Structure formats: structure tokens, C-alpha cells
Amino acid sequence: MTSAFDAVLLSYDEPMANALHRRLGRVLGGTVKRLHGVRGMRRAYRLCAELADTEQFFLADGDFSIDTRFPAAGVEPLADGISMRVWRAVNPVNGLTYGYGGLKLIRRDALRKTGEAVDVLAALPGKVEFCEDTAGTTRFNQSSYHAWKAGFRECAMLTRGSEYGMADADVQDRLDAWTASREGDFASYAAAGARDGIAFARDAARDPAQFDLLNDPAWLRERFTAGHGEQAVAG
């Protein structure tokens, strides 16, 4: 059965985005729209809202691999006051399963009113609902750079302080898991990115404006190349 909601896959430079886009369409049972290569994360999310034809729609990252058993036709609409529902995703390098990289059901109107948080979706008006069910796997470890970037951005934001109100003990558990990443492809780069992200966040605490760099693709690529580029090529 086809889902009652539109769906948009938001991609930038993920190597497997084409295949994962097709997979999403097969599982959701309809046409999945796509926004690709837009600079500026906040702008990209807002443009996704304009692509969707239903007021509530599924939003997937370009590296999200949906579980073929995901019960799309049975998904209930968001209740009043809820801006977004997040399904969990399996992390392929560290054994964690949580909202990072997971599937979202989101309101178009909420995306149009995002605030200025570094984690753009943390600035939605209204409440966020975290679902205990797992919708798929976040396949960010498609290259040395993408694995590093995932660890860097996530651990920099966790070290800065969770914008979703996560308890300190939970934050530390996730930091520990990321820095110990050893499973799957390019796990060592995810671990290195995690360590680099923690160090960056501690330095940036003296100049909070630096955290905006976490959403700058060119800066992230340069940072990776400066610290790990030669190793990545040699490996």
C-alpha cells in the first residue's frame, strides 16, 4: 500500500544517494521527490517543504537506507503541537541505534519557521516526538570523508550540548561509542572524526560563532583534507 504522505530525500554529495532514493520509493510505495546539492542547510530544509504536496511529509537524508519492512501505510499523522516525529536508525560503525540519521515525518509549516540552531531541525517550533521503532540504517560510512564528517559533526554538537535536552550521561555514552567506532566500512575515520569534533567543540566554546562552520560543506572538506587527506588517499 502507498503511504498517505509525500516523501522527500535530501541529498548533497552522498555516493549512494541515487540507489537509496530508489529504495525509498519502493518501500513507501509512491514517488519520492528529491532535493540535491543545495548549499546552506537551513535553506535546503525549507526548500524541501516547498517540494512536498502534503502538509506532513517524510523527510530522509541522502544516506538513509530504509528497512524494507517499514510499515509506511500504517503511519499515523502527527498530533497537534508535534512538529516532527523521528524514527531511529542503526549506526553501522558503533552499534548505536537512535535518532541520528533516522527517518522523519515533519510538518511543512514547521520547516518554514526554523530558528537559528546549529542542528537546524532542533529549532523547529513545537515538540519533537522520538519513536522507539527503527526505520532503517544511516549509511554515512560510504567513504573515508563521509564517515569522518559524520563523526565530526555529531560529536561536535553533542559536546557543545544537545539541543534536544539529552541527559549528560546519555551524551557521554554516545561520545564514547562514536570515539570507539570499529565496525563496518571506514569506521576508523568515523572515530577520528568524533575525536576531532570533540576537540573542535572545546576550542569553539570560546567563540560560539565557529559552530556555524559545522554546516559549511567546503570548510568540512578542507578540515578533513588537512588532517586526514593523505591517509585517505594512501588507504
C-alpha atoms as a PDB file:
ATOM      1  CA  MET A   1       0.000   0.000   0.000  1.00  0.00           C
ATOM      2  CA  THR A   2       1.107   3.571  -0.709  1.00  0.00           C
ATOM      3  CA  SER A   3       1.742   5.970   2.167  1.00  0.00           C
ATOM      4  CA  ALA A   4      -0.677   8.853   2.681  1.00  0.00           C
ATOM      5  CA  PHE A   5       2.262  11.225   2.976  1.00  0.00           C
ATOM      6  CA  ASP A   6       4.587  12.724   0.400  1.00  0.00           C
ATOM      7  CA  ALA A   7       8.304  11.985   0.805  1.00  0.00           C
ATOM      8  CA  VAL A   8      11.462  13.956   0.033  1.00  0.00           C
ATOM      9  CA  LEU A   9      15.044  12.692   0.045  1.00  0.00           C
ATOM     10  CA  LEU A  10      17.547  15.470   0.783  1.00  0.00           C
ATOM     11  CA  SER A  11      20.987  14.739  -0.671  1.00  0.00           C
ATOM     12  CA  TYR A  12      24.173  16.713  -1.155  1.00  0.00           C
ATOM     13  CA  ASP A  13      27.141  14.555  -2.223  1.00  0.00           C
ATOM     14  CA  GLU A  14      26.399  11.098  -0.829  1.00  0.00           C
ATOM     15  CA  PRO A  15      27.759   8.395  -3.175  1.00  0.00           C
ATOM     16  CA  MET A  16      24.784   6.041  -2.720  1.00  0.00           C
ATOM     17  CA  ALA A  17      22.042   8.665  -2.861  1.00  0.00           C
ATOM     18  CA  ASN A  18      20.627   7.530  -6.221  1.00  0.00           C
ATOM     19  CA  ALA A  19      20.209   3.934  -5.085  1.00  0.00           C
ATOM     20  CA  LEU A  20      18.813   4.912  -1.684  1.00  0.00           C
ATOM     21  CA  HIS A  21      16.347   7.263  -3.355  1.00  0.00           C
ATOM     22  CA  ARG A  22      15.012   4.391  -5.474  1.00  0.00           C
ATOM     23  CA  ARG A  23      14.839   2.124  -2.426  1.00  0.00           C
ATOM     24  CA  LEU A  24      12.832   4.725  -0.502  1.00  0.00           C
ATOM     25  CA  GLY A  25      10.328   4.921  -3.343  1.00  0.00           C
ATOM     26  CA  ARG A  26       9.898   1.144  -3.470  1.00  0.00           C
ATOM     27  CA  VAL A  27       9.242   0.882   0.268  1.00  0.00           C
ATOM     28  CA  LEU A  28       6.978   3.918   0.604  1.00  0.00           C
ATOM     29  CA  GLY A  29       5.058   2.886  -2.486  1.00  0.00           C
ATOM     30  CA  GLY A  30       4.972   6.159  -4.350  1.00  0.00           C
ATOM     31  CA  THR A  31       7.029   8.893  -5.939  1.00  0.00           C
ATOM     32  CA  VAL A  32       9.750  10.196  -3.644  1.00  0.00           C
ATOM     33  CA  LYS A  33      10.848  13.700  -4.534  1.00  0.00           C
ATOM     34  CA  ARG A  34      14.458  14.761  -4.205  1.00  0.00           C
ATOM     35  CA  LEU A  35      16.400  17.915  -3.465  1.00  0.00           C
ATOM     36  CA  HIS A  36      20.092  17.645  -4.301  1.00  0.00           C
ATOM     37  CA  GLY A  37      23.221  19.759  -3.944  1.00  0.00           C
ATOM     38  CA  VAL A  38      21.736  22.848  -2.276  1.00  0.00           C
ATOM     39  CA  ARG A  39      24.248  24.914  -0.288  1.00  0.00           C
ATOM     40  CA  GLY A  40      23.015  26.092   3.089  1.00  0.00           C
ATOM     41  CA  MET A  41      21.368  23.504   5.312  1.00  0.00           C
ATOM     42  CA  ARG A  42      18.608  25.769   6.574  1.00  0.00           C
ATOM     43  CA  ARG A  43      17.766  26.820   3.007  1.00  0.00           C
ATOM     44  CA  ALA A  44      17.758  23.190   1.862  1.00  0.00           C
ATOM     45  CA  TYR A  45      15.311  22.120   4.555  1.00  0.00           C
ATOM     46  CA  ARG A  46      12.982  24.990   3.753  1.00  0.00           C
ATOM     47  CA  LEU A  47      13.058  24.110   0.056  1.00  0.00           C
ATOM     48  CA  CYS A  48      12.055  20.538   0.965  1.00  0.00           C
ATOM     49  CA  ALA A  49       8.880  21.984   2.455  1.00  0.00           C
ATOM     50  CA  GLU A  50       8.069  23.581  -0.898  1.00  0.00           C
ATOM     51  CA  LEU A  51       8.588  20.300  -2.775  1.00  0.00           C
ATOM     52  CA  ALA A  52       6.076  18.390  -0.661  1.00  0.00           C
ATOM     53  CA  ASP A  53       2.403  18.439  -1.650  1.00  0.00           C
ATOM     54  CA  THR A  54       1.087  17.129   1.670  1.00  0.00           C
ATOM     55  CA  GLU A  55       1.204  19.224   4.835  1.00  0.00           C
ATOM     56  CA  GLN A  56       3.019  16.410   6.647  1.00  0.00           C
ATOM     57  CA  PHE A  57       5.694  14.510   4.741  1.00  0.00           C
ATOM     58  CA  PHE A  58       8.507  12.012   5.184  1.00  0.00           C
ATOM     59  CA  LEU A  59      11.995  13.514   5.093  1.00  0.00           C
ATOM     60  CA  ALA A  60      15.050  11.290   4.608  1.00  0.00           C
ATOM     61  CA  ASP A  61      18.738  12.105   4.413  1.00  0.00           C
ATOM     62  CA  GLY A  62      20.653  11.160   1.273  1.00  0.00           C
ATOM     63  CA  ASP A  63      22.448   8.369   3.154  1.00  0.00           C
ATOM     64  CA  PHE A  64      19.373   6.824   4.799  1.00  0.00           C
ATOM     65  CA  SER A  65      18.625   3.209   3.857  1.00  0.00           C
ATOM     66  CA  ILE A  66      15.035   2.430   4.767  1.00  0.00           C
ATOM     67  CA  ASP A  67      14.150  -1.012   6.148  1.00  0.00           C
ATOM     68  CA  THR A  68      12.051  -2.845   3.558  1.00  0.00           C
ATOM     69  CA  ARG A  69       9.686  -3.850   6.379  1.00  0.00           C
ATOM     70  CA  PHE A  70       8.893  -0.264   7.386  1.00  0.00           C
ATOM     71  CA  PRO A  71       5.065  -0.076   7.687  1.00  0.00           C
ATOM     72  CA  ALA A  72       4.610   3.178   5.762  1.00  0.00           C
ATOM     73  CA  ALA A  73       0.878   2.704   5.111  1.00  0.00           C
ATOM     74  CA  GLY A  74       0.196   2.424   8.842  1.00  0.00           C
ATOM     75  CA  VAL A  75       1.953   5.613   9.947  1.00  0.00           C
ATOM     76  CA  GLU A  76      -0.344   7.920  11.914  1.00  0.00           C
ATOM     77  CA  PRO A  77      -0.339  11.699  11.294  1.00  0.00           C
ATOM     78  CA  LEU A  78       1.385  13.980  13.766  1.00  0.00           C
ATOM     79  CA  ALA A  79      -0.777  15.085  16.659  1.00  0.00           C
ATOM     80  CA  ASP A  80      -1.487  18.753  17.340  1.00  0.00           C
ATOM     81  CA  GLY A  81       1.554  20.521  18.756  1.00  0.00           C
ATOM     82  CA  ILE A  82       4.030  17.996  17.319  1.00  0.00           C
ATOM     83  CA  SER A  83       6.273  19.380  14.583  1.00  0.00           C
ATOM     84  CA  MET A  84       8.296  16.259  13.815  1.00  0.00           C
ATOM     85  CA  ARG A  85       8.450  12.545  14.558  1.00  0.00           C
ATOM     86  CA  VAL A  86      11.842  10.825  14.337  1.00  0.00           C
ATOM     87  CA  TRP A  87      12.313   7.097  13.825  1.00  0.00           C
ATOM     88  CA  ARG A  88      15.583   5.569  14.961  1.00  0.00           C
ATOM     89  CA  ALA A  89      18.345   4.410  12.621  1.00  0.00           C
ATOM     90  CA  VAL A  90      21.029   1.778  13.084  1.00  0.00           C
ATOM     91  CA  ASN A  91      24.544   3.210  13.128  1.00  0.00           C
ATOM     92  CA  PRO A  92      26.816   0.886  11.112  1.00  0.00           C
ATOM     93  CA  VAL A  93      30.120   1.716  12.822  1.00  0.00           C
ATOM     94  CA  ASN A  94      29.444   1.895  16.556  1.00  0.00           C
ATOM     95  CA  GLY A  95      26.414  -0.231  17.439  1.00  0.00           C
ATOM     96  CA  LEU A  96      24.199   2.691  18.464  1.00  0.00           C
ATOM     97  CA  THR A  97      20.567   2.931  17.405  1.00  0.00           C
ATOM     98  CA  TYR A  98      18.978   6.331  17.940  1.00  0.00           C
ATOM     99  CA  GLY A  99      17.544   9.293  16.067  1.00  0.00           C
ATOM    100  CA  TYR A 100      20.784  10.248  14.312  1.00  0.00           C
ATOM    101  CA  GLY A 101      20.210   9.890  10.554  1.00  0.00           C
ATOM    102  CA  GLY A 102      16.722   8.494  11.088  1.00  0.00           C
ATOM    103  CA  LEU A 103      13.547   8.952   9.063  1.00  0.00           C
ATOM    104  CA  LYS A 104      11.359  11.962   9.884  1.00  0.00           C
ATOM    105  CA  LEU A 105       7.713  12.810   9.487  1.00  0.00           C
ATOM    106  CA  ILE A 106       7.594  16.601   9.540  1.00  0.00           C
ATOM    107  CA  ARG A 107       5.224  19.499   9.032  1.00  0.00           C
ATOM    108  CA  ARG A 108       5.815  21.774   6.034  1.00  0.00           C
ATOM    109  CA  ASP A 109       4.776  24.801   8.080  1.00  0.00           C
ATOM    110  CA  ALA A 110       7.270  23.978  10.848  1.00  0.00           C
ATOM    111  CA  LEU A 111      10.164  23.796   8.356  1.00  0.00           C
ATOM    112  CA  ARG A 112       9.250  27.232   7.064  1.00  0.00           C
ATOM    113  CA  LYS A 113       9.731  28.612  10.587  1.00  0.00           C
ATOM    114  CA  THR A 114      13.015  27.010  11.622  1.00  0.00           C
ATOM    115  CA  GLY A 115      15.111  29.054  14.010  1.00  0.00           C
ATOM    116  CA  GLU A 116      18.878  29.532  14.203  1.00  0.00           C
ATOM    117  CA  ALA A 117      20.085  26.358  15.951  1.00  0.00           C
ATOM    118  CA  VAL A 118      23.247  24.668  14.619  1.00  0.00           C
ATOM    119  CA  ASP A 119      21.209  21.470  14.350  1.00  0.00           C
ATOM    120  CA  VAL A 120      18.584  23.051  12.113  1.00  0.00           C
ATOM    121  CA  LEU A 121      15.762  20.639  12.940  1.00  0.00           C
ATOM    122  CA  ALA A 122      16.260  21.224  16.665  1.00  0.00           C
ATOM    123  CA  ALA A 123      14.940  24.746  16.091  1.00  0.00           C
ATOM    124  CA  LEU A 124      11.510  23.726  14.835  1.00  0.00           C
ATOM    125  CA  PRO A 125       8.547  25.335  16.570  1.00  0.00           C
ATOM    126  CA  GLY A 126       6.518  22.844  18.593  1.00  0.00           C
ATOM    127  CA  LYS A 127       7.534  19.498  20.047  1.00  0.00           C
ATOM    128  CA  VAL A 128       9.604  16.664  18.627  1.00  0.00           C
ATOM    129  CA  GLU A 129       8.370  13.096  19.065  1.00  0.00           C
ATOM    130  CA  PHE A 130      11.034  10.376  19.219  1.00  0.00           C
ATOM    131  CA  CYS A 131       9.730   6.990  18.104  1.00  0.00           C
ATOM    132  CA  GLU A 132      11.195   3.829  19.640  1.00  0.00           C
ATOM    133  CA  ASP A 133      10.832   1.932  16.364  1.00  0.00           C
ATOM    134  CA  THR A 134      13.753   1.618  13.953  1.00  0.00           C
ATOM    135  CA  ALA A 135      13.106   2.650  10.336  1.00  0.00           C
ATOM    136  CA  GLY A 136      16.431   1.710   8.737  1.00  0.00           C
ATOM    137  CA  THR A 137      20.174   2.301   8.716  1.00  0.00           C
ATOM    138  CA  THR A 138      22.134   5.517   8.307  1.00  0.00           C
ATOM    139  CA  ARG A 139      24.728   4.644   5.656  1.00  0.00           C
ATOM    140  CA  PHE A 140      27.011   7.616   6.203  1.00  0.00           C
ATOM    141  CA  ASN A 141      30.148   5.452   6.024  1.00  0.00           C
ATOM    142  CA  GLN A 142      30.323   5.385   2.214  1.00  0.00           C
ATOM    143  CA  SER A 143      33.789   6.961   2.047  1.00  0.00           C
ATOM    144  CA  SER A 144      36.546   7.995   4.410  1.00  0.00           C
ATOM    145  CA  TYR A 145      35.413  11.619   4.197  1.00  0.00           C
ATOM    146  CA  HIS A 146      31.716  10.950   4.779  1.00  0.00           C
ATOM    147  CA  ALA A 147      32.472   8.730   7.780  1.00  0.00           C
ATOM    148  CA  TRP A 148      34.786  11.369   9.242  1.00  0.00           C
ATOM    149  CA  LYS A 149      32.276  14.157   8.643  1.00  0.00           C
ATOM    150  CA  ALA A 150      29.503  12.227  10.390  1.00  0.00           C
ATOM    151  CA  GLY A 151      31.623  11.633  13.486  1.00  0.00           C
ATOM    152  CA  PHE A 152      32.927  15.195  13.476  1.00  0.00           C
ATOM    153  CA  ARG A 153      29.567  16.968  13.205  1.00  0.00           C
ATOM    154  CA  GLU A 154      27.661  14.716  15.582  1.00  0.00           C
ATOM    155  CA  CYS A 155      30.286  14.743  18.322  1.00  0.00           C
ATOM    156  CA  ALA A 156      30.929  18.468  17.998  1.00  0.00           C
ATOM    157  CA  MET A 157      27.215  19.099  18.514  1.00  0.00           C
ATOM    158  CA  LEU A 158      26.968  16.616  21.382  1.00  0.00           C
ATOM    159  CA  THR A 159      29.981  18.178  23.100  1.00  0.00           C
ATOM    160  CA  ARG A 160      28.517  21.644  22.628  1.00  0.00           C
ATOM    161  CA  GLY A 161      25.350  20.463  24.339  1.00  0.00           C
ATOM    162  CA  SER A 162      22.378  18.553  22.967  1.00  0.00           C
ATOM    163  CA  GLU A 163      19.763  20.893  21.533  1.00  0.00           C
ATOM    164  CA  TYR A 164      17.124  18.238  22.244  1.00  0.00           C
ATOM    165  CA  GLY A 165      17.687  18.303  26.024  1.00  0.00           C
ATOM    166  CA  MET A 166      19.536  14.977  26.255  1.00  0.00           C
ATOM    167  CA  ALA A 167      20.835  13.989  29.698  1.00  0.00           C
ATOM    168  CA  ASP A 168      24.586  14.427  30.244  1.00  0.00           C
ATOM    169  CA  ALA A 169      25.078  10.705  30.879  1.00  0.00           C
ATOM    170  CA  ASP A 170      23.408   9.820  27.571  1.00  0.00           C
ATOM    171  CA  VAL A 171      25.546  12.383  25.753  1.00  0.00           C
ATOM    172  CA  GLN A 172      28.711  10.844  27.214  1.00  0.00           C
ATOM    173  CA  ASP A 173      27.611   7.318  26.283  1.00  0.00           C
ATOM    174  CA  ARG A 174      27.183   8.406  22.671  1.00  0.00           C
ATOM    175  CA  LEU A 175      30.502  10.232  22.595  1.00  0.00           C
ATOM    176  CA  ASP A 176      32.214   7.135  23.965  1.00  0.00           C
ATOM    177  CA  ALA A 177      30.578   4.929  21.331  1.00  0.00           C
ATOM    178  CA  TRP A 178      31.484   7.243  18.454  1.00  0.00           C
ATOM    179  CA  THR A 179      35.133   7.541  19.509  1.00  0.00           C
ATOM    180  CA  ALA A 180      35.323   3.748  19.819  1.00  0.00           C
ATOM    181  CA  SER A 181      33.831   3.107  16.342  1.00  0.00           C
ATOM    182  CA  ARG A 182      35.348  -0.077  14.922  1.00  0.00           C
ATOM    183  CA  GLU A 183      32.632  -1.869  12.907  1.00  0.00           C
ATOM    184  CA  GLY A 184      31.891  -1.618   9.201  1.00  0.00           C
ATOM    185  CA  ASP A 185      33.483   0.384   6.407  1.00  0.00           C
ATOM    186  CA  PHE A 186      35.632   3.406   7.278  1.00  0.00           C
ATOM    187  CA  ALA A 187      34.963   3.014  11.000  1.00  0.00           C
ATOM    188  CA  SER A 188      38.402   4.348  11.908  1.00  0.00           C
ATOM    189  CA  TYR A 189      37.582   7.601  10.089  1.00  0.00           C
ATOM    190  CA  ALA A 190      34.316   7.940  11.997  1.00  0.00           C
ATOM    191  CA  ALA A 191      36.259   7.519  15.246  1.00  0.00           C
ATOM    192  CA  ALA A 192      38.852  10.073  14.137  1.00  0.00           C
ATOM    193  CA  GLY A 193      36.091  12.490  13.167  1.00  0.00           C
ATOM    194  CA  ALA A 194      34.487  12.026  16.571  1.00  0.00           C
ATOM    195  CA  ARG A 195      37.748  12.879  18.350  1.00  0.00           C
ATOM    196  CA  ASP A 196      38.332  15.854  16.054  1.00  0.00           C
ATOM    197  CA  GLY A 197      34.773  17.072  16.623  1.00  0.00           C
ATOM    198  CA  ILE A 198      35.121  16.928  20.400  1.00  0.00           C
ATOM    199  CA  ALA A 199      38.368  18.914  20.223  1.00  0.00           C
ATOM    200  CA  PHE A 200      36.788  21.453  17.863  1.00  0.00           C
ATOM    201  CA  ALA A 201      33.802  21.971  20.185  1.00  0.00           C
ATOM    202  CA  ARG A 202      36.021  22.554  23.198  1.00  0.00           C
ATOM    203  CA  ASP A 203      38.038  25.165  21.292  1.00  0.00           C
ATOM    204  CA  ALA A 204      34.931  26.768  19.789  1.00  0.00           C
ATOM    205  CA  ALA A 205      33.368  27.203  23.237  1.00  0.00           C
ATOM    206  CA  ARG A 206      35.451  30.405  23.432  1.00  0.00           C
ATOM    207  CA  ASP A 207      33.983  31.615  20.116  1.00  0.00           C
ATOM    208  CA  PRO A 208      30.496  30.103  19.644  1.00  0.00           C
ATOM    209  CA  ALA A 209      30.123  31.596  16.153  1.00  0.00           C
ATOM    210  CA  GLN A 210      32.546  28.912  14.960  1.00  0.00           C
ATOM    211  CA  PHE A 211      29.823  26.293  15.378  1.00  0.00           C
ATOM    212  CA  ASP A 212      28.170  27.640  12.221  1.00  0.00           C
ATOM    213  CA  LEU A 213      31.079  26.059  10.335  1.00  0.00           C
ATOM    214  CA  LEU A 214      29.558  22.636  11.044  1.00  0.00           C
ATOM    215  CA  ASN A 215      27.039  23.412   8.284  1.00  0.00           C
ATOM    216  CA  ASP A 216      29.648  24.571   5.748  1.00  0.00           C
ATOM    217  CA  PRO A 217      30.496  21.719   3.325  1.00  0.00           C
ATOM    218  CA  ALA A 218      33.594  23.432   1.899  1.00  0.00           C
ATOM    219  CA  TRP A 219      35.065  24.080   5.342  1.00  0.00           C
ATOM    220  CA  LEU A 220      34.389  20.496   6.439  1.00  0.00           C
ATOM    221  CA  ARG A 221      36.072  19.084   3.342  1.00  0.00           C
ATOM    222  CA  GLU A 222      39.115  21.329   3.880  1.00  0.00           C
ATOM    223  CA  ARG A 223      39.342  20.333   7.538  1.00  0.00           C
ATOM    224  CA  PHE A 224      39.259  16.659   6.630  1.00  0.00           C
ATOM    225  CA  THR A 225      41.830  17.036   3.870  1.00  0.00           C
ATOM    226  CA  ALA A 226      44.188  18.992   6.132  1.00  0.00           C
ATOM    227  CA  GLY A 227      44.117  16.345   8.831  1.00  0.00           C
ATOM    228  CA  HIS A 228      43.446  13.067   7.042  1.00  0.00           C
ATOM    229  CA  GLY A 229      43.583  13.580   3.281  1.00  0.00           C
ATOM    230  CA  GLU A 230      46.901  11.869   2.677  1.00  0.00           C
ATOM    231  CA  GLN A 231      45.911   8.897   4.837  1.00  0.00           C
ATOM    232  CA  ALA A 232      42.633   8.551   2.939  1.00  0.00           C
ATOM    233  CA  VAL A 233      44.360   8.527  -0.429  1.00  0.00           C
ATOM    234  CA  ALA A 234      47.027   6.091   0.769  1.00  0.00           C
ATOM    235  CA  GLY A 235      44.395   3.799   2.270  1.00  0.00           C
END
